Structures are given as C-alpha cells and as structure tokens.
C-alpha cells in the first residue's frame, strides 16, 4: 500500500473534529485510507443496496445502532443521513466519531454539507501523486513561491519514463498492473460501469448511452477552452441535459475545470473555462493513445502532459503550505500561459508546459508578458519541458524538467 500524504491531516482532524469526510473520485483509495487510519469500531458501505435502504428507512435509528467511531462509506448515496449526523454530533461532540467517505464534492452539493457547517472537515483524495509513488512528499508549490533561485540536479528520468508515467496516471489499481491489456480493462470498466453506476446513484439519471461519449469528447478536447454549445451539437444531447451531466461529473471529481486568469476578479468567468479529466491515464485510454502511437503522433503528447502537470499541482495543494488557486491565461491578442498559480496574497507563479527537450524563445513569451505586467507580484515563470537541466532564461524565467514537480522542495514521505 502506498503512503498517502493527506494521512497526517486525516489523523489530526480526527483528534479535534467530530465529522471528517474524505472526498474524491471513485477508486482513489478513500476507503483504504479511512480503514487504515480511522481506528473505527464499525464500518458500513452504502454501495450495498440493502444497507442503503435500511439507512433510508430510519436514518437516526440506523446511526444510533452503530458503535463509534464509525466509517460511513460512500455516504452521498444516503444524503438523508446528514441531518441525523448533525443531531448526533450536537448531542455528543467527541472528535472523530463519524468518518465519512464520498465520491461527490459536498462543496458543489450544498444540501449535503449545510447541516454540518462547523462540525465537519473535508479532505480531498486524488489519484496517487508522483511523489506518493516515489516515496517523497512534494514541495514544488512552496518552492516555486520562494523567490530563491531553484537548485536542482539534472532530471533522473531516462528514455520513455515520462511518457510511461503520463500514460499510466495515478489510479492505485492501474499503477499495480504490469500488462497494458489489464490496464485497458480497468479503464474500460471505470469509464463505463463504475462511473455510470455512480451517476445513477447520485442523480437517479440513466445516462448509460451519453456518459461514455461525453467522457471521450472531453478527453479529446482536454485543455482546450470549453464550448458547451459545440459539445451539445457534437453529442446530439440537449444543452440543458449536457450542462447537468457536466455538473454531475464535476461534483464527482471526474471533470476538472480551469478558469481564465485576469488581474480583475470580476472578469474570471466560468464561460471561459478549460475542461479536462482528473487523470492523464484515463484520457489516454479514452483516446486510444499508447506509447507506440505517440512515437508516430508526437503532437498527442502535449495535451496529455499538460493535464498531467495540472493534476499533479492540484494534488499538491492538499499538503503544501502555500494557499493558492490554479488558472490559465489567454489574452485578447492570443498570448497564452498554460497554468497560472495565484496565491491568496496575490503573488503569481506561471507555468508553460512543453512536450519537447528544448526551450524555444516563443515558449517564454507569455511568461515574460505576465512578468512585465505584474512586476513584483510575479515570483517566477517556468517552462516545464522534457529536457534534463534546470536553466535560467533572464529575469525570473526558468526552464525546468517535468520531474521537478516531485523533486524540487521534496522531503521523505511520512504518514
């Protein structure tokens, strides 16, 4: 079993918070984490329809019959329990009494979370990060916001290793499979049976025909600016239905959005959002991309690598100290920056992702524009590339190898 970096936060939350929810997509390891560190006296999974029906028939009586601490797995299946959990917590506020796991983002489903405001801590578990796979606790975001020049040895990756990492992704069940045929079998089941059942449980919508097509289309346009009207026409799905499906996939962590960055908060509009999926391996499966195909069609690697970098950064927000948000930049004149990280105090780190072993002057233009526009708010710009060395390119602009994501600022992992 891999060490998960949020395990420390999970254990600490159990010491002072009555309800702790581990939230994340299906098959990211939520149940394993809860059972490994929760020290629970009882465990209930609502994936069992009989158990879910029993909880629905008498939510309060069901809870009162369970020894504490209790793990309630996939609790979003029975949202009626949240009010009863609140009642029980208000009677007895002992820390760590209720350990919940859920495959729905409660921040996007207020009816599930409103009743537990002030009583519940939410931790997000993503697929395995590259640091978790390597036994290191990444500190890239904290290091990037430190103005000190980066000190990093040459990349340790050789040959096809970066390509293989991107194609594999981070789902725990995939990482342990050595044969491509078994990896494809897992992704096939995940993108059809697992997600369809989850959507039906969460919304009572039968989207068995539309959901695989929608996932494949989002995968094919990963990191592109979303055009919902165009998606609706391509899939022949009514606009209102498509918006609902996308919102369900967002709430399930499967679809991830990246908003456009602007110095003016009022211009950061959702309609300019980019969409991608939570795992580069899932995108590769849905597009039928393997290592052999990428040798012939190298251009396919760019979007996969950008998603890979974006998701590694999202994972690191769970344990790095810097409080920040992810955006992208696209100006009216066509200048683009793949990733803009803005800290809560207004400082900015910008990243351009390039699937090449060399850095072209054009790769730095967006970073230089942002630097000149922001002045002291601009901490640094990074061209993340598949080359070997960390190199300076003028004032606060650097080229860094992709594996800097899990090497720069990293420390030995500890639960």
Protein backbone atom coordinates (compact mmCIF):
# COMPACT_ATOMS: atom_id res chain seq x y z
CA UNK A 1 0.00 0.00 0.00
CA UNK A 2 1.30 3.46 -0.89
CA UNK A 3 1.67 6.12 1.78
CA UNK A 4 -0.87 8.91 1.20
CA UNK A 5 0.24 12.43 2.02
CA UNK A 6 -3.11 13.56 3.43
CA UNK A 7 -2.97 10.77 6.04
CA UNK A 8 -1.31 13.14 8.53
CA UNK A 9 -4.06 15.75 8.11
CA UNK A 10 -6.65 12.99 8.40
CA UNK A 11 -5.26 11.76 11.72
CA UNK A 12 -5.01 15.30 13.08
CA UNK A 13 -8.59 16.08 12.05
CA UNK A 14 -9.82 13.01 13.92
CA UNK A 15 -8.32 14.45 17.10
CA UNK A 16 -10.40 17.65 17.16
CA UNK A 17 -13.31 17.41 14.68
CA UNK A 18 -16.50 15.33 15.17
CA UNK A 19 -17.01 14.54 11.47
CA UNK A 20 -14.22 14.00 8.94
CA UNK A 21 -15.08 13.46 5.28
CA UNK A 22 -12.59 12.00 2.80
CA UNK A 23 -13.91 13.08 -0.57
CA UNK A 24 -12.72 12.22 -4.05
CA UNK A 25 -13.43 10.32 -7.24
CA UNK A 26 -14.27 6.64 -7.26
CA UNK A 27 -11.30 4.27 -6.90
CA UNK A 28 -8.81 6.79 -5.49
CA UNK A 29 -8.30 4.89 -2.22
CA UNK A 30 -10.72 6.67 0.14
CA UNK A 31 -11.99 3.52 1.86
CA UNK A 32 -8.47 2.15 2.30
CA UNK A 33 -7.28 5.40 3.89
CA UNK A 34 -10.30 5.58 6.22
CA UNK A 35 -9.94 1.99 7.37
CA UNK A 36 -6.15 2.17 7.75
CA UNK A 37 -6.03 5.28 9.96
CA UNK A 38 -9.57 5.68 11.30
CA UNK A 39 -9.39 3.20 14.20
CA UNK A 40 -13.11 2.69 13.70
CA UNK A 41 -15.21 0.23 15.69
CA UNK A 42 -17.69 -0.25 12.85
CA UNK A 43 -17.75 0.07 9.06
CA UNK A 44 -20.74 0.50 6.75
CA UNK A 45 -20.69 0.69 2.94
CA UNK A 46 -23.69 2.21 1.21
CA UNK A 47 -22.64 0.58 -2.04
CA UNK A 48 -24.70 -2.31 -0.65
CA UNK A 49 -28.32 -1.51 -1.68
CA UNK A 50 -29.79 -3.39 1.31
CA UNK A 51 -27.74 -1.30 3.75
CA UNK A 52 -28.63 1.90 1.94
CA UNK A 53 -32.35 1.00 2.11
CA UNK A 54 -32.08 0.32 5.84
CA UNK A 55 -30.46 3.71 6.43
CA UNK A 56 -33.12 5.44 4.33
CA UNK A 57 -35.98 3.87 6.25
CA UNK A 58 -34.81 5.21 9.63
CA UNK A 59 -31.68 7.39 9.38
CA UNK A 60 -31.45 8.33 13.06
CA UNK A 61 -32.20 4.85 14.36
CA UNK A 62 -29.65 3.41 11.90
CA UNK A 63 -26.90 5.73 13.17
CA UNK A 64 -27.72 5.14 16.83
CA UNK A 65 -27.26 1.40 16.33
CA UNK A 66 -23.64 1.77 15.20
CA UNK A 67 -20.65 1.74 17.61
CA UNK A 68 -18.39 4.80 17.39
CA UNK A 69 -16.11 5.71 15.75
CA UNK A 70 -17.91 4.57 12.61
CA UNK A 71 -16.90 4.70 8.95
CA UNK A 72 -19.78 5.50 6.60
CA UNK A 73 -18.50 4.67 3.12
CA UNK A 74 -19.96 6.43 0.02
CA UNK A 75 -22.25 8.48 2.23
CA UNK A 76 -23.56 10.57 -0.68
CA UNK A 77 -25.79 7.60 -1.60
CA UNK A 78 -27.89 8.35 1.51
CA UNK A 79 -27.92 12.17 1.84
CA UNK A 80 -30.78 11.88 4.35
CA UNK A 81 -28.17 10.78 6.93
CA UNK A 82 -26.54 14.20 7.14
CA UNK A 83 -29.30 15.73 9.25
CA UNK A 84 -29.20 12.76 11.63
CA UNK A 85 -25.40 13.01 11.86
CA UNK A 86 -25.83 16.66 12.86
CA UNK A 87 -28.32 15.65 15.55
CA UNK A 88 -25.94 13.01 16.94
CA UNK A 89 -22.96 15.39 16.87
CA UNK A 90 -24.89 18.08 18.72
CA UNK A 91 -25.67 15.52 21.42
CA UNK A 92 -22.08 14.29 21.65
CA UNK A 93 -19.24 16.31 20.08
CA UNK A 94 -16.49 13.77 20.69
CA UNK A 95 -13.80 14.10 17.95
CA UNK A 96 -13.58 11.53 15.20
CA UNK A 97 -16.94 9.89 15.89
CA UNK A 98 -18.02 9.92 12.25
CA UNK A 99 -15.60 9.12 9.42
CA UNK A 100 -17.27 9.63 6.05
CA UNK A 101 -16.11 8.87 2.54
CA UNK A 102 -17.86 10.22 -0.51
CA UNK A 103 -17.48 10.34 -4.27
CA UNK A 104 -19.30 13.65 -4.52
CA UNK A 105 -17.89 17.10 -3.82
CA UNK A 106 -20.08 18.38 -0.97
CA UNK A 107 -18.99 21.93 -1.73
CA UNK A 108 -20.91 21.59 -5.02
CA UNK A 109 -23.85 19.82 -3.34
CA UNK A 110 -24.89 22.23 -0.55
CA UNK A 111 -27.84 20.12 0.58
CA UNK A 112 -25.34 17.54 1.82
CA UNK A 113 -23.00 19.90 3.64
CA UNK A 114 -25.08 22.77 5.04
CA UNK A 115 -26.26 20.75 8.02
CA UNK A 116 -22.66 20.04 9.11
CA UNK A 117 -21.12 23.51 8.84
CA UNK A 118 -18.65 23.93 11.70
CA UNK A 119 -18.81 20.24 12.58
CA UNK A 120 -17.06 18.64 9.60
CA UNK A 121 -13.63 18.83 7.97
CA UNK A 122 -13.33 17.83 4.30
CA UNK A 123 -10.15 16.30 2.86
CA UNK A 124 -9.81 15.56 -0.86
CA UNK A 125 -8.07 12.40 -2.03
CA UNK A 126 -6.92 12.37 -5.66
CA UNK A 127 -5.29 9.52 -7.59
CA UNK A 128 -1.74 8.82 -6.46
CA UNK A 129 0.72 11.67 -6.94
CA UNK A 130 4.16 11.05 -8.42
CA UNK A 131 5.68 11.79 -5.02
CA UNK A 132 3.46 9.20 -3.36
CA UNK A 133 4.59 6.70 -5.99
CA UNK A 134 8.23 7.65 -5.34
CA UNK A 135 8.06 7.78 -1.53
CA UNK A 136 8.61 11.57 -1.45
CA UNK A 137 6.41 14.37 -0.11
CA UNK A 138 6.37 17.01 -2.84
CA UNK A 139 7.02 20.65 -2.03
CA UNK A 140 7.02 22.11 -5.53
CA UNK A 141 4.38 24.81 -4.94
CA UNK A 142 6.03 26.09 -1.77
CA UNK A 143 9.42 26.08 -3.52
CA UNK A 144 8.03 27.89 -6.57
CA UNK A 145 6.72 30.74 -4.40
CA UNK A 146 10.06 31.08 -2.62
CA UNK A 147 11.98 33.78 -4.55
CA UNK A 148 15.30 31.97 -4.03
CA UNK A 149 16.73 30.60 -7.31
CA UNK A 150 15.99 26.89 -7.82
CA UNK A 151 18.77 24.44 -7.01
CA UNK A 152 18.01 21.15 -8.70
CA UNK A 153 20.19 18.46 -10.22
CA UNK A 154 19.63 17.06 -13.70
CA UNK A 155 16.49 15.07 -14.40
CA UNK A 156 16.60 11.48 -13.26
CA UNK A 157 14.22 10.27 -15.95
CA UNK A 158 15.60 8.38 -18.90
CA UNK A 159 14.13 7.22 -22.20
CA UNK A 160 10.38 6.73 -22.17
CA UNK A 161 9.88 7.08 -18.42
CA UNK A 162 7.99 10.39 -18.52
CA UNK A 163 5.78 9.09 -21.33
CA UNK A 164 5.04 5.93 -19.36
CA UNK A 165 4.20 7.92 -16.22
CA UNK A 166 1.78 10.15 -18.11
CA UNK A 167 0.10 7.20 -19.82
CA UNK A 168 -0.23 5.31 -16.54
CA UNK A 169 -1.72 8.13 -14.46
CA UNK A 170 -2.27 7.64 -10.75
CA UNK A 171 -5.24 5.38 -10.02
CA UNK A 172 -3.97 2.85 -7.44
CA UNK A 173 -5.48 -0.15 -9.26
CA UNK A 174 -3.78 0.86 -12.52
CA UNK A 175 -0.35 1.51 -11.04
CA UNK A 176 -0.15 -2.08 -9.86
CA UNK A 177 -0.91 -3.62 -13.27
CA UNK A 178 2.07 -4.56 -15.40
CA UNK A 179 0.31 -5.54 -18.64
CA UNK A 180 -1.28 -2.99 -20.98
CA UNK A 181 -4.23 -5.27 -21.64
CA UNK A 182 -5.13 -5.33 -17.93
CA UNK A 183 -4.72 -1.56 -17.66
CA UNK A 184 -7.14 -1.04 -20.55
CA UNK A 185 -9.59 -3.49 -18.97
CA UNK A 186 -9.59 -1.48 -15.74
CA UNK A 187 -10.10 1.86 -17.50
CA UNK A 188 -12.86 0.35 -19.65
CA UNK A 189 -14.73 -0.79 -16.56
CA UNK A 190 -14.11 2.53 -14.78
CA UNK A 191 -15.32 4.72 -17.63
CA UNK A 192 -18.50 2.69 -18.16
CA UNK A 193 -19.76 0.54 -15.30
CA UNK A 194 -18.20 2.36 -12.31
CA UNK A 195 -18.97 5.93 -13.36
CA UNK A 196 -22.41 5.12 -14.78
CA UNK A 197 -23.47 3.44 -11.57
CA UNK A 198 -22.13 6.36 -9.56
CA UNK A 199 -24.00 8.93 -11.66
CA UNK A 200 -27.22 6.92 -11.39
CA UNK A 201 -26.83 6.62 -7.60
CA UNK A 202 -26.11 10.34 -7.21
CA UNK A 203 -28.78 11.69 -9.55
CA UNK A 204 -31.15 8.85 -10.47
CA UNK A 205 -30.37 9.62 -14.11
CA UNK A 206 -29.82 6.84 -16.63
CA UNK A 207 -27.03 8.28 -18.75
CA UNK A 208 -25.60 4.94 -19.85
CA UNK A 209 -25.74 5.95 -23.51
CA UNK A 210 -24.48 9.51 -23.23
CA UNK A 211 -21.83 9.35 -20.50
CA UNK A 212 -19.13 7.33 -22.33
CA UNK A 213 -19.48 9.57 -25.39
CA UNK A 214 -19.27 12.69 -23.22
CA UNK A 215 -16.16 11.46 -21.43
CA UNK A 216 -14.49 10.60 -24.74
CA UNK A 217 -15.28 14.02 -26.20
CA UNK A 218 -13.98 15.89 -23.14
CA UNK A 219 -10.84 13.72 -23.32
CA UNK A 220 -10.33 14.57 -26.99
CA UNK A 221 -10.54 18.30 -26.21
CA UNK A 222 -8.59 18.17 -22.94
CA UNK A 223 -7.01 21.53 -22.00
CA UNK A 224 -9.00 23.32 -24.72
CA UNK A 225 -11.44 26.11 -23.89
CA UNK A 226 -14.83 24.52 -23.27
CA UNK A 227 -17.64 25.28 -25.71
CA UNK A 228 -20.72 23.66 -24.21
CA UNK A 229 -22.92 24.57 -27.17
CA UNK A 230 -20.48 22.84 -29.53
CA UNK A 231 -20.29 19.80 -27.25
CA UNK A 232 -24.07 19.64 -27.22
CA UNK A 233 -24.24 19.64 -31.03
CA UNK A 234 -21.44 17.08 -31.37
CA UNK A 235 -23.13 14.65 -28.99
CA UNK A 236 -26.71 15.46 -30.07
CA UNK A 237 -27.62 15.98 -26.42
CA UNK A 238 -29.90 18.89 -25.38
CA UNK A 239 -27.93 21.79 -23.91
CA UNK A 240 -29.69 21.61 -20.53
CA UNK A 241 -29.03 17.87 -20.23
CA UNK A 242 -25.37 18.30 -21.15
CA UNK A 243 -24.88 21.03 -18.54
CA UNK A 244 -26.43 18.73 -15.95
CA UNK A 245 -24.17 15.82 -16.95
CA UNK A 246 -21.08 18.03 -16.79
CA UNK A 247 -22.08 19.33 -13.37
CA UNK A 248 -22.51 15.77 -12.13
CA UNK A 249 -19.07 14.84 -13.45
CA UNK A 250 -17.60 17.94 -11.78
CA UNK A 251 -19.25 17.03 -8.49
CA UNK A 252 -17.82 13.52 -8.91
CA UNK A 253 -14.29 14.95 -9.43
CA UNK A 254 -14.02 13.31 -12.87
CA UNK A 255 -14.22 16.54 -14.90
CA UNK A 256 -11.89 19.31 -13.80
CA UNK A 257 -12.23 22.93 -14.86
CA UNK A 258 -9.59 25.64 -15.13
CA UNK A 259 -10.80 29.23 -15.15
CA UNK A 260 -9.24 32.06 -17.10
CA UNK A 261 -6.97 34.34 -15.09
CA UNK A 262 -7.24 38.10 -15.04
CA UNK A 263 -5.96 40.76 -12.63
CA UNK A 264 -9.63 41.73 -12.28
CA UNK A 265 -11.58 39.14 -10.29
CA UNK A 266 -14.80 40.20 -11.97
CA UNK A 267 -13.60 39.03 -15.38
CA UNK A 268 -12.83 35.43 -14.31
CA UNK A 269 -15.88 33.97 -15.97
CA UNK A 270 -16.86 30.32 -15.99
CA UNK A 271 -17.77 30.52 -19.68
CA UNK A 272 -14.05 30.82 -20.50
CA UNK A 273 -13.21 27.66 -18.60
CA UNK A 274 -10.97 24.88 -19.85
CA UNK A 275 -12.09 21.32 -19.19
CA UNK A 276 -10.07 18.18 -18.68
CA UNK A 277 -10.36 14.87 -16.82
CA UNK A 278 -8.80 14.08 -13.46
CA UNK A 279 -6.21 11.60 -14.75
CA UNK A 280 -3.93 11.56 -17.79
CA UNK A 281 -4.12 7.75 -17.93
CA UNK A 282 -7.91 7.90 -18.26
CA UNK A 283 -7.60 10.46 -21.07
CA UNK A 284 -5.06 8.27 -22.87
CA UNK A 285 -7.38 5.25 -22.64
CA UNK A 286 -10.41 7.19 -23.91
CA UNK A 287 -8.37 8.46 -26.88
CA UNK A 288 -6.79 5.07 -27.55
CA UNK A 289 -3.30 6.51 -27.07
CA UNK A 290 -0.39 4.23 -26.17
CA UNK A 291 3.38 4.64 -26.24
CA UNK A 292 3.71 3.24 -29.76
CA UNK A 293 1.10 5.62 -31.15
CA UNK A 294 2.79 8.61 -29.53
CA UNK A 295 6.04 7.80 -31.29
CA UNK A 296 4.24 8.32 -34.61
CA UNK A 297 1.86 11.11 -33.46
CA UNK A 298 4.00 13.08 -31.05
CA UNK A 299 1.57 16.00 -31.04
CA UNK A 300 -0.84 13.90 -28.95
CA UNK A 301 1.54 14.10 -26.01
CA UNK A 302 1.15 17.84 -25.45
CA UNK A 303 -2.39 17.85 -24.03
CA UNK A 304 -1.71 14.70 -22.01
CA UNK A 305 1.40 16.24 -20.46
CA UNK A 306 -0.43 19.49 -19.65
CA UNK A 307 -3.21 17.57 -17.87
CA UNK A 308 -0.60 15.50 -16.04
CA UNK A 309 1.18 18.65 -14.75
CA UNK A 310 -2.08 20.39 -13.87
CA UNK A 311 -3.34 17.42 -11.85
CA UNK A 312 -0.03 16.93 -10.03
CA UNK A 313 -0.31 20.55 -8.89
CA UNK A 314 -3.91 20.07 -7.76
CA UNK A 315 -2.83 17.09 -5.67
CA UNK A 316 -0.02 19.06 -4.03
CA UNK A 317 -2.42 21.78 -2.86
CA UNK A 318 -3.60 19.17 -0.35
CA UNK A 319 -0.36 19.30 1.66
CA UNK A 320 1.78 22.28 0.57
CA UNK A 321 1.57 25.30 2.88
CA UNK A 322 1.01 27.93 0.17
CA UNK A 323 -2.68 28.77 -0.22
CA UNK A 324 -3.29 29.34 -3.93
CA UNK A 325 -5.55 28.66 -6.92
CA UNK A 326 -4.98 27.44 -10.48
CA UNK A 327 -5.90 29.38 -13.62
CA UNK A 328 -4.80 29.72 -17.23
CA UNK A 329 -4.12 32.90 -19.23
CA UNK A 330 -5.33 33.78 -22.71
CA UNK A 331 -5.23 37.42 -23.77
CA UNK A 332 -7.26 39.10 -26.50
CA UNK A 333 -4.11 39.26 -28.61
CA UNK A 334 -3.64 35.49 -28.41
CA UNK A 335 -0.90 35.26 -25.80
CA UNK A 336 -1.31 32.11 -23.68
CA UNK A 337 0.10 30.63 -20.49
CA UNK A 338 -0.93 27.09 -19.65
CA UNK A 339 -1.05 27.41 -15.85
CA UNK A 340 -1.17 30.49 -13.61
CA UNK A 341 -0.90 29.84 -9.87
CA UNK A 342 -2.06 32.81 -7.82
CA UNK A 343 -1.50 32.75 -4.06
CA UNK A 344 -4.06 34.19 -1.68
CA UNK A 345 -1.83 37.22 -1.13
CA UNK A 346 -1.78 38.00 -4.88
CA UNK A 347 1.63 36.63 -5.88
CA UNK A 348 1.86 34.68 -9.14
CA UNK A 349 3.85 31.72 -10.48
CA UNK A 350 3.26 30.92 -14.15
CA UNK A 351 3.99 27.63 -15.92
CA UNK A 352 4.18 26.81 -19.62
CA UNK A 353 4.19 23.07 -20.39
CA UNK A 354 6.13 21.87 -23.44
CA UNK A 355 6.48 18.29 -24.67
CA UNK A 356 9.95 18.89 -26.07
CA UNK A 357 13.54 18.55 -24.92
CA UNK A 358 14.46 22.12 -25.90
CA UNK A 359 13.07 25.53 -24.95
CA UNK A 360 12.21 27.87 -27.80
CA UNK A 361 12.09 31.67 -27.27
CA UNK A 362 8.39 31.54 -28.21
CA UNK A 363 7.78 29.26 -25.22
CA UNK A 364 8.76 32.11 -22.89
CA UNK A 365 6.75 34.97 -24.39
CA UNK A 366 3.62 34.54 -22.30
CA UNK A 367 5.68 34.25 -19.12
CA UNK A 368 7.66 37.38 -19.99
CA UNK A 369 4.47 39.31 -20.76
CA UNK A 370 2.98 38.33 -17.41
CA UNK A 371 6.22 39.23 -15.62
CA UNK A 372 6.32 42.66 -17.21
CA UNK A 373 2.64 43.25 -16.45
CA UNK A 374 2.73 42.17 -12.79
CA UNK A 375 6.12 43.50 -11.67
CA UNK A 376 6.90 42.44 -8.09
CA UNK A 377 3.77 40.28 -7.84
CA UNK A 378 5.37 37.92 -10.36
CA UNK A 379 7.54 35.45 -8.43
CA UNK A 380 8.74 33.36 -11.37
CA UNK A 381 7.85 31.79 -14.68
CA UNK A 382 8.67 28.18 -15.51
CA UNK A 383 8.85 26.43 -18.85
CA UNK A 384 8.31 22.80 -17.84
CA UNK A 385 9.84 20.63 -20.52
CA UNK A 386 11.03 17.06 -21.12
CA UNK A 387 14.71 18.03 -21.10
CA UNK A 388 17.29 17.30 -18.45
CA UNK A 389 18.53 20.56 -16.90
CA UNK A 390 17.20 23.48 -14.86
CA UNK A 391 18.26 26.60 -16.76
CA UNK A 392 17.80 30.38 -16.28
CA UNK A 393 16.37 32.46 -19.14
CA UNK A 394 16.56 36.04 -17.95
CA UNK A 395 14.77 37.79 -15.10
CA UNK A 396 12.76 35.23 -13.05
CA UNK A 397 12.23 32.88 -16.01
CA UNK A 398 13.44 29.28 -15.76
CA UNK A 399 13.27 26.05 -17.70
CA UNK A 400 12.75 23.00 -15.50
CA UNK A 401 12.39 19.27 -16.27
CA UNK A 402 8.98 17.70 -15.64
CA UNK A 403 10.22 15.65 -12.71
CA UNK A 404 10.94 18.90 -10.84
CA UNK A 405 7.26 18.56 -9.89
CA UNK A 406 8.15 15.82 -7.42
CA UNK A 407 11.85 16.59 -6.77
CA UNK A 408 12.12 20.34 -6.14
CA UNK A 409 11.39 21.04 -2.48
CA UNK A 410 10.57 17.38 -1.76
CA UNK A 411 11.20 15.63 1.55
CA UNK A 412 10.99 11.99 2.60
CA UNK A 413 7.35 10.89 2.90
CA UNK A 414 5.91 10.16 6.33
CA UNK A 415 2.37 9.15 7.26
